[in-house]
């Protein structure tokens, strides 16, 4: 019994101190994670002139679009992000100087030139992933700290769940008395919500860590899922030519996977590099399939259909859509919004309990030793 009591007290203290140490960062990640669910929609509503276009019968050929943007901006386009779900949305192109342009794919007009962090979605993403700091190599020294906070949050959730499940009559404690005093009501909400949100919060935090610490999290997924996570296949080498054939290369590439929807185009960074098409197959929740093209001859070099990959690969690829709640329509998105904001409640209520406990502790009276009193009287 003493050992069990000691373990509970130790876990309760760890639950408290992890919560206090990570409180500020958990609040930031919670709020920004909730905002990211609707950030693109919000910025489109606020500034439709930058992100929406008038739908027309056909878009410009990719090569013509690239020529227009490069002639206007004076920069080379490195990535083309399409909007396959919306025909009235502008496309986003990344330039080799790190800036982005929002472009009308029907006319080639540049609607906006911007840095990634200058608008709501990019700013929120930068705070959520990097706490707004990235070094000159476009990496971040704070990305690891964000992952550490997420890992500590996983331990926090596990400790909290254990503190509920270990004592007897655990099911009877899953009730909320709305007429109870504030402290009791908050404690009941803290416990009940923590139990019901235990598993989804744990998985959301784990999927967030997987974007940064890929090797250890991939090992966990491989161990728990059938099969192994499949790597993308190697791409055959080719001899660079004189004239790019971008349009024909994209057409041939999409014929190789005829059911695929084009999501993103990665332009070759050097003459010997392949043109890469990131596409979404019907069985995928997001674009995880790839097509590699020779940009000079339009020859298909390699394809990777992620929808036909192993179960472990499917689970691994699902992490992005699961993390943002974008896999089953607006109802799930609304549910994910609530879950994303729930850590704010746990942090605030936990700090409330800690402060209340500190104030309620009696201050011990100081009593001087008898011999000290005697010596002082001398």
Protein backbone atom coordinates (compact mmCIF):
# COMPACT_ATOMS: atom_id res chain seq x y z
CA UNK A 1 0.00 0.00 0.00
CA UNK A 2 2.83 2.39 0.86
CA UNK A 3 4.48 1.70 -2.48
CA UNK A 4 1.21 2.39 -4.34
CA UNK A 5 0.68 5.59 -2.37
CA UNK A 6 4.25 6.70 -3.07
CA UNK A 7 3.85 5.98 -6.79
CA UNK A 8 0.58 7.94 -6.97
CA UNK A 9 2.08 10.89 -5.13
CA UNK A 10 5.12 10.84 -7.41
CA UNK A 11 2.99 10.68 -10.55
CA UNK A 12 0.74 13.44 -9.23
CA UNK A 13 3.78 15.67 -8.69
CA UNK A 14 5.14 14.82 -12.14
CA UNK A 15 1.72 15.56 -13.64
CA UNK A 16 1.77 18.93 -11.90
CA UNK A 17 5.32 19.97 -12.73
CA UNK A 18 5.22 18.89 -16.36
CA UNK A 19 2.03 20.91 -16.71
CA UNK A 20 3.60 23.99 -15.11
CA UNK A 21 6.84 23.78 -17.11
CA UNK A 22 5.14 23.33 -20.47
CA UNK A 23 2.02 25.44 -19.79
CA UNK A 24 2.93 28.44 -21.97
CA UNK A 25 4.08 26.34 -24.90
CA UNK A 26 1.07 24.02 -24.70
CA UNK A 27 -1.22 27.06 -24.79
CA UNK A 28 0.59 28.40 -27.89
CA UNK A 29 0.49 25.05 -29.69
CA UNK A 30 -3.14 24.52 -28.72
CA UNK A 31 -4.39 27.88 -29.98
CA UNK A 32 -2.33 27.87 -33.18
CA UNK A 33 -3.28 24.26 -33.91
CA UNK A 34 -6.96 25.19 -33.61
CA UNK A 35 -6.46 28.23 -35.87
CA UNK A 36 -4.73 26.17 -38.55
CA UNK A 37 -7.87 24.12 -39.11
CA UNK A 38 -9.60 27.16 -40.62
CA UNK A 39 -6.71 29.58 -41.27
CA UNK A 40 -6.80 29.29 -45.08
CA UNK A 41 -10.56 29.75 -45.16
CA UNK A 42 -10.35 32.77 -42.85
CA UNK A 43 -7.66 34.54 -44.85
CA UNK A 44 -9.62 33.86 -48.05
CA UNK A 45 -12.71 35.49 -46.53
CA UNK A 46 -10.71 38.48 -45.24
CA UNK A 47 -8.75 39.12 -48.48
CA UNK A 48 -10.54 37.36 -51.34
CA UNK A 49 -8.70 39.49 -53.91
CA UNK A 50 -5.45 37.66 -53.09
CA UNK A 51 -6.66 34.08 -52.85
CA UNK A 52 -9.68 33.69 -55.13
CA UNK A 53 -10.08 34.01 -58.90
CA UNK A 54 -12.86 34.08 -61.48
CA UNK A 55 -13.42 30.55 -62.73
CA UNK A 56 -12.92 30.10 -66.49
CA UNK A 57 -13.16 27.21 -68.91
CA UNK A 58 -9.46 26.27 -68.94
CA UNK A 59 -6.25 27.14 -67.14
CA UNK A 60 -3.04 28.27 -68.80
CA UNK A 61 -0.47 25.62 -69.74
CA UNK A 62 2.05 25.23 -66.92
CA UNK A 63 4.97 26.41 -69.07
CA UNK A 64 3.10 29.61 -70.00
CA UNK A 65 2.19 30.21 -66.37
CA UNK A 66 5.84 29.79 -65.37
CA UNK A 67 7.03 32.14 -68.11
CA UNK A 68 4.59 34.85 -67.04
CA UNK A 69 5.51 34.61 -63.36
CA UNK A 70 9.27 34.45 -63.98
CA UNK A 71 9.16 37.38 -66.42
CA UNK A 72 7.16 39.50 -63.96
CA UNK A 73 9.01 38.57 -60.77
CA UNK A 74 12.51 38.18 -62.18
CA UNK A 75 12.84 34.96 -60.18
CA UNK A 76 12.78 31.26 -61.06
CA UNK A 77 9.81 29.19 -59.92
CA UNK A 78 10.77 26.16 -57.83
CA UNK A 79 7.38 24.79 -56.65
CA UNK A 80 3.86 25.06 -58.03
CA UNK A 81 1.02 24.33 -55.57
CA UNK A 82 -2.31 23.73 -57.26
CA UNK A 83 -5.79 23.81 -55.70
CA UNK A 84 -7.35 20.55 -56.96
CA UNK A 85 -10.47 20.89 -54.77
CA UNK A 86 -11.32 24.45 -55.82
CA UNK A 87 -11.49 25.90 -59.31
CA UNK A 88 -11.93 29.44 -57.96
CA UNK A 89 -8.76 29.50 -55.84
CA UNK A 90 -5.44 31.06 -56.80
CA UNK A 91 -2.35 28.86 -57.10
CA UNK A 92 0.67 29.41 -54.89
CA UNK A 93 4.14 29.38 -56.48
CA UNK A 94 7.41 29.43 -54.58
CA UNK A 95 10.32 31.40 -56.03
CA UNK A 96 14.01 30.65 -55.68
CA UNK A 97 14.51 33.66 -53.38
CA UNK A 98 12.14 32.06 -50.82
CA UNK A 99 9.19 34.33 -51.54
CA UNK A 100 5.76 33.16 -52.70
CA UNK A 101 3.35 34.49 -55.30
CA UNK A 102 -0.39 33.98 -55.47
CA UNK A 103 -1.29 33.58 -59.14
CA UNK A 104 -4.45 33.41 -61.23
CA UNK A 105 -4.00 30.09 -63.09
CA UNK A 106 -6.38 31.23 -65.85
CA UNK A 107 -4.63 34.49 -66.74
CA UNK A 108 -1.15 34.20 -65.21
CA UNK A 109 -1.66 37.45 -63.24
CA UNK A 110 0.27 37.74 -59.98
CA UNK A 111 -2.24 38.69 -57.30
CA UNK A 112 0.20 38.95 -54.42
CA UNK A 113 3.91 38.54 -53.68
CA UNK A 114 4.53 37.64 -50.05
CA UNK A 115 6.80 36.03 -47.49
CA UNK A 116 5.46 32.85 -45.92
CA UNK A 117 4.91 34.38 -42.45
CA UNK A 118 3.22 37.58 -43.66
CA UNK A 119 -0.33 36.22 -43.78
CA UNK A 120 -2.55 34.36 -41.34
CA UNK A 121 -1.92 30.78 -42.46
CA UNK A 122 1.85 31.13 -42.81
CA UNK A 123 2.20 33.09 -39.56
CA UNK A 124 0.12 30.56 -37.63
CA UNK A 125 2.04 27.66 -39.17
CA UNK A 126 5.37 29.29 -38.30
CA UNK A 127 4.34 29.72 -34.67
CA UNK A 128 2.91 26.21 -34.45
CA UNK A 129 5.92 24.46 -35.99
CA UNK A 130 8.87 26.71 -35.23
CA UNK A 131 7.70 29.27 -32.64
CA UNK A 132 8.39 31.85 -35.38
CA UNK A 133 12.15 31.19 -35.45
CA UNK A 134 13.94 29.62 -38.39
CA UNK A 135 17.64 29.94 -39.15
CA UNK A 136 19.29 30.90 -42.46
CA UNK A 137 19.19 27.31 -43.74
CA UNK A 138 15.38 27.38 -43.52
CA UNK A 139 15.54 25.02 -40.57
CA UNK A 140 14.70 25.71 -37.01
CA UNK A 141 16.50 25.25 -33.74
CA UNK A 142 13.12 25.48 -31.98
CA UNK A 143 11.46 22.67 -33.95
CA UNK A 144 13.08 20.17 -31.58
CA UNK A 145 11.80 22.12 -28.58
CA UNK A 146 8.27 21.97 -29.97
CA UNK A 147 8.67 18.20 -30.31
CA UNK A 148 9.99 17.98 -26.74
CA UNK A 149 6.92 19.86 -25.50
CA UNK A 150 4.67 17.49 -27.47
CA UNK A 151 6.50 14.49 -25.98
CA UNK A 152 6.13 15.89 -22.46
CA UNK A 153 2.44 16.46 -23.20
CA UNK A 154 2.14 12.75 -24.08
CA UNK A 155 3.64 11.86 -20.69
CA UNK A 156 1.29 14.39 -19.07
CA UNK A 157 -1.72 12.69 -20.67
CA UNK A 158 -0.47 9.22 -19.70
CA UNK A 159 0.16 10.23 -16.08
CA UNK A 160 -3.24 11.86 -15.84
CA UNK A 161 -4.97 8.79 -17.25
CA UNK A 162 -3.10 6.50 -14.84
CA UNK A 163 -4.11 8.67 -11.87
CA UNK A 164 -7.73 8.13 -12.88
CA UNK A 165 -7.59 4.45 -13.79
CA UNK A 166 -5.52 3.16 -10.86
CA UNK A 167 -7.88 3.79 -7.87
CA UNK A 168 -11.08 1.80 -7.44
CA UNK A 169 -14.55 3.03 -8.45
CA UNK A 170 -13.04 4.77 -11.47
CA UNK A 171 -16.28 4.63 -13.48
CA UNK A 172 -18.25 6.31 -10.70
CA UNK A 173 -15.84 9.24 -10.95
CA UNK A 174 -16.86 9.83 -14.57
CA UNK A 175 -19.68 12.16 -13.65
CA UNK A 176 -20.15 15.91 -13.59
CA UNK A 177 -22.30 17.65 -10.98
CA UNK A 178 -23.19 21.00 -12.54
CA UNK A 179 -24.45 22.27 -9.17
CA UNK A 180 -21.18 21.63 -7.38
CA UNK A 181 -18.87 24.37 -6.19
CA UNK A 182 -16.44 25.85 -8.72
CA UNK A 183 -13.41 23.91 -7.51
CA UNK A 184 -15.25 20.56 -7.53
CA UNK A 185 -16.91 21.24 -10.88
CA UNK A 186 -13.58 22.16 -12.50
CA UNK A 187 -11.96 19.05 -11.04
CA UNK A 188 -14.74 16.83 -12.39
CA UNK A 189 -14.51 18.45 -15.84
CA UNK A 190 -10.72 18.13 -15.77
CA UNK A 191 -10.98 14.42 -14.97
CA UNK A 192 -13.87 13.46 -17.25
CA UNK A 193 -12.65 15.37 -20.30
CA UNK A 194 -9.13 14.10 -19.72
CA UNK A 195 -10.33 10.50 -19.76
CA UNK A 196 -12.50 10.85 -22.86
CA UNK A 197 -9.91 12.86 -24.81
CA UNK A 198 -6.97 10.75 -23.63
CA UNK A 199 -6.48 8.66 -26.77
CA UNK A 200 -7.13 11.31 -29.47
CA UNK A 201 -4.90 13.88 -27.72
CA UNK A 202 -2.14 11.30 -27.39
CA UNK A 203 -2.36 10.40 -31.09
CA UNK A 204 -2.54 14.04 -32.22
CA UNK A 205 0.59 14.85 -30.21
CA UNK A 206 2.37 11.76 -31.57
CA UNK A 207 1.45 12.62 -35.16
CA UNK A 208 2.83 16.13 -34.61
CA UNK A 209 6.15 14.74 -33.38
CA UNK A 210 6.29 12.49 -36.46
CA UNK A 211 6.78 15.51 -38.74
CA UNK A 212 10.11 16.24 -37.03
CA UNK A 213 11.42 13.05 -35.40
CA UNK A 214 10.64 10.80 -38.33
CA UNK A 215 12.96 7.85 -37.65
CA UNK A 216 11.81 6.96 -34.08
CA UNK A 217 8.12 7.59 -34.77
CA UNK A 218 8.29 5.60 -38.02
CA UNK A 219 9.82 2.73 -36.05
CA UNK A 220 6.85 2.82 -33.65
CA UNK A 221 4.35 2.81 -36.55
CA UNK A 222 6.19 -0.07 -38.27
CA UNK A 223 6.20 -2.08 -35.04
CA UNK A 224 2.46 -1.62 -34.45
CA UNK A 225 1.21 -1.88 -38.06
CA UNK A 226 1.29 -4.75 -40.56
CA UNK A 227 4.24 -4.55 -42.93
CA UNK A 228 6.93 -1.90 -43.12
CA UNK A 229 6.86 1.75 -44.19
CA UNK A 230 7.87 1.78 -47.84
CA UNK A 231 10.43 4.29 -49.06
CA UNK A 232 10.03 6.03 -52.38
CA UNK A 233 11.76 4.11 -55.19
CA UNK A 234 15.03 5.37 -56.70
CA UNK A 235 14.84 7.42 -59.89
CA UNK A 236 16.81 6.49 -62.98
CA UNK A 237 19.51 8.91 -64.08
CA UNK A 238 19.21 10.75 -67.38
CA UNK A 239 21.25 13.01 -69.63
CA UNK A 240 20.13 16.65 -69.62
CA UNK A 241 18.90 18.07 -72.92
CA UNK A 242 18.67 21.52 -74.42
CA UNK A 243 14.95 22.35 -74.31
CA UNK A 244 12.53 21.80 -71.46
CA UNK A 245 9.25 20.05 -72.29
CA UNK A 246 7.30 20.86 -69.11
CA UNK A 247 3.76 20.61 -70.50
CA UNK A 248 4.37 17.35 -72.29
CA UNK A 249 6.20 15.92 -69.26
CA UNK A 250 3.24 16.69 -66.99
CA UNK A 251 0.76 15.22 -69.49
CA UNK A 252 2.81 12.02 -69.84
CA UNK A 253 3.26 11.77 -66.11
CA UNK A 254 -0.46 12.00 -65.40
CA UNK A 255 -1.11 9.34 -68.06
CA UNK A 256 1.17 6.99 -66.09
CA UNK A 257 -1.25 7.24 -63.15
CA UNK A 258 -4.49 8.18 -64.95
CA UNK A 259 -6.61 8.31 -61.78
CA UNK A 260 -4.24 10.73 -60.06
CA UNK A 261 -5.06 14.36 -59.25
CA UNK A 262 -2.20 16.82 -59.56
CA UNK A 263 -1.39 18.45 -56.24
CA UNK A 264 2.08 19.97 -56.54
CA UNK A 265 4.87 20.36 -59.11
CA UNK A 266 8.53 20.47 -58.06
CA UNK A 267 10.67 22.05 -60.75
CA UNK A 268 14.17 20.61 -61.31
CA UNK A 269 16.78 22.53 -59.31
CA UNK A 270 19.60 21.46 -61.64
CA UNK A 271 19.85 20.22 -65.26
CA UNK A 272 20.19 16.59 -64.15
CA UNK A 273 17.30 16.61 -61.68
CA UNK A 274 13.90 15.11 -62.44
CA UNK A 275 10.63 17.01 -62.63
CA UNK A 276 8.55 15.73 -59.70
CA UNK A 277 4.77 15.55 -59.61
CA UNK A 278 3.09 15.02 -56.27
CA UNK A 279 -0.35 13.52 -56.89
CA UNK A 280 -3.30 12.10 -54.99
CA UNK A 281 -4.77 8.72 -55.86
CA UNK A 282 -8.46 7.88 -55.18
CA UNK A 283 -7.61 5.70 -52.16
CA UNK A 284 -5.57 8.39 -50.40
CA UNK A 285 -6.58 11.02 -47.85
CA UNK A 286 -3.87 13.35 -49.14
CA UNK A 287 -1.33 13.52 -51.99
CA UNK A 288 1.32 10.93 -51.10
CA UNK A 289 1.92 9.42 -54.56
CA UNK A 290 4.69 10.60 -56.87
CA UNK A 291 5.66 10.68 -60.55
CA UNK A 292 9.19 11.49 -61.71
CA UNK A 293 9.74 12.85 -65.22
CA UNK A 294 12.64 13.68 -67.51
CA UNK A 295 11.87 17.39 -68.10
CA UNK A 296 13.67 17.37 -71.47
CA UNK A 297 12.25 14.26 -73.13
CA UNK A 298 8.99 14.02 -71.12
CA UNK A 299 9.84 10.38 -70.34
CA UNK A 300 8.34 8.85 -67.20
CA UNK A 301 11.28 7.82 -65.01
CA UNK A 302 9.45 6.33 -62.01
CA UNK A 303 6.06 6.24 -60.29
CA UNK A 304 5.02 5.55 -56.71
CA UNK A 305 1.38 4.72 -56.01
CA UNK A 306 1.09 5.17 -52.24
CA UNK A 307 -2.53 3.96 -52.26
CA UNK A 308 -1.24 0.44 -53.05
CA UNK A 309 1.50 0.52 -50.40
CA UNK A 310 1.63 -1.53 -47.18
CA UNK A 311 -0.68 -0.94 -44.21
CA UNK A 312 2.21 0.57 -42.25
CA UNK A 313 2.78 3.05 -45.08
CA UNK A 314 -0.92 3.94 -45.13
CA UNK A 315 -0.91 4.58 -41.37
CA UNK A 316 2.27 6.64 -41.63
CA UNK A 317 0.89 8.74 -44.49
CA UNK A 318 -2.38 9.29 -42.63
CA UNK A 319 -0.59 11.29 -39.91
CA UNK A 320 -1.00 14.67 -41.66
CA UNK A 321 -4.75 14.48 -42.26
CA UNK A 322 -5.29 12.99 -38.81
CA UNK A 323 -3.25 15.74 -37.16
CA UNK A 324 -5.36 18.49 -38.73
CA UNK A 325 -8.69 16.61 -38.65
CA UNK A 326 -9.08 16.93 -42.41
CA UNK A 327 -10.19 13.41 -43.27
CA UNK A 328 -13.98 13.26 -42.84
CA UNK A 329 -15.59 16.60 -43.55
CA UNK A 330 -16.66 19.64 -41.51
CA UNK A 331 -18.09 17.72 -38.55
CA UNK A 332 -14.72 16.11 -37.79
CA UNK A 333 -13.00 19.47 -38.30
CA UNK A 334 -15.32 21.03 -35.70
CA UNK A 335 -14.60 18.14 -33.32
CA UNK A 336 -10.85 18.60 -33.89
CA UNK A 337 -11.24 22.31 -33.11
CA UNK A 338 -12.68 21.41 -29.70
CA UNK A 339 -9.93 18.88 -29.05
CA UNK A 340 -7.23 21.31 -30.19
CA UNK A 341 -8.46 23.89 -27.67
CA UNK A 342 -9.00 21.38 -24.82
CA UNK A 343 -5.35 21.58 -23.59
CA UNK A 344 -6.03 25.26 -22.81
CA UNK A 345 -8.72 24.18 -20.37
CA UNK A 346 -6.48 21.51 -18.82
CA UNK A 347 -3.62 23.99 -18.35
CA UNK A 348 -5.82 26.74 -16.87
CA UNK A 349 -7.74 24.40 -14.56
CA UNK A 350 -4.52 22.65 -13.51
CA UNK A 351 -2.92 25.98 -12.57
CA UNK A 352 -6.10 26.88 -10.68
CA UNK A 353 -5.86 23.67 -8.60
CA UNK A 354 -2.17 24.29 -7.92
CA UNK A 355 -2.76 27.88 -6.77
CA UNK A 356 -5.74 26.86 -4.64
CA UNK A 357 -3.69 24.09 -3.01
CA UNK A 358 -0.86 26.50 -2.23
CA UNK A 359 -3.21 28.99 -0.59
CA UNK A 360 -5.01 26.33 1.46
CA UNK A 361 -1.82 24.88 2.95
CA UNK A 362 -1.35 26.00 6.58
CA UNK A 363 1.80 28.00 7.28
CA UNK A 364 3.90 26.08 9.84
CA UNK A 365 4.61 28.00 13.04
CA UNK A 366 8.25 28.55 13.92
CA UNK A 367 9.31 27.36 17.33
CA UNK A 368 12.83 28.06 18.48
CA UNK A 369 14.66 25.27 20.27
CA UNK A 370 14.48 25.50 24.07
CA UNK A 371 18.25 25.72 24.49
CA UNK A 372 18.34 28.59 21.97
CA UNK A 373 15.80 30.51 24.08
CA UNK A 374 17.82 29.82 27.22
CA UNK A 375 21.06 30.92 25.56
CA UNK A 376 19.40 34.09 24.27
CA UNK A 377 18.13 34.92 27.77
CA UNK A 378 21.68 34.73 29.05
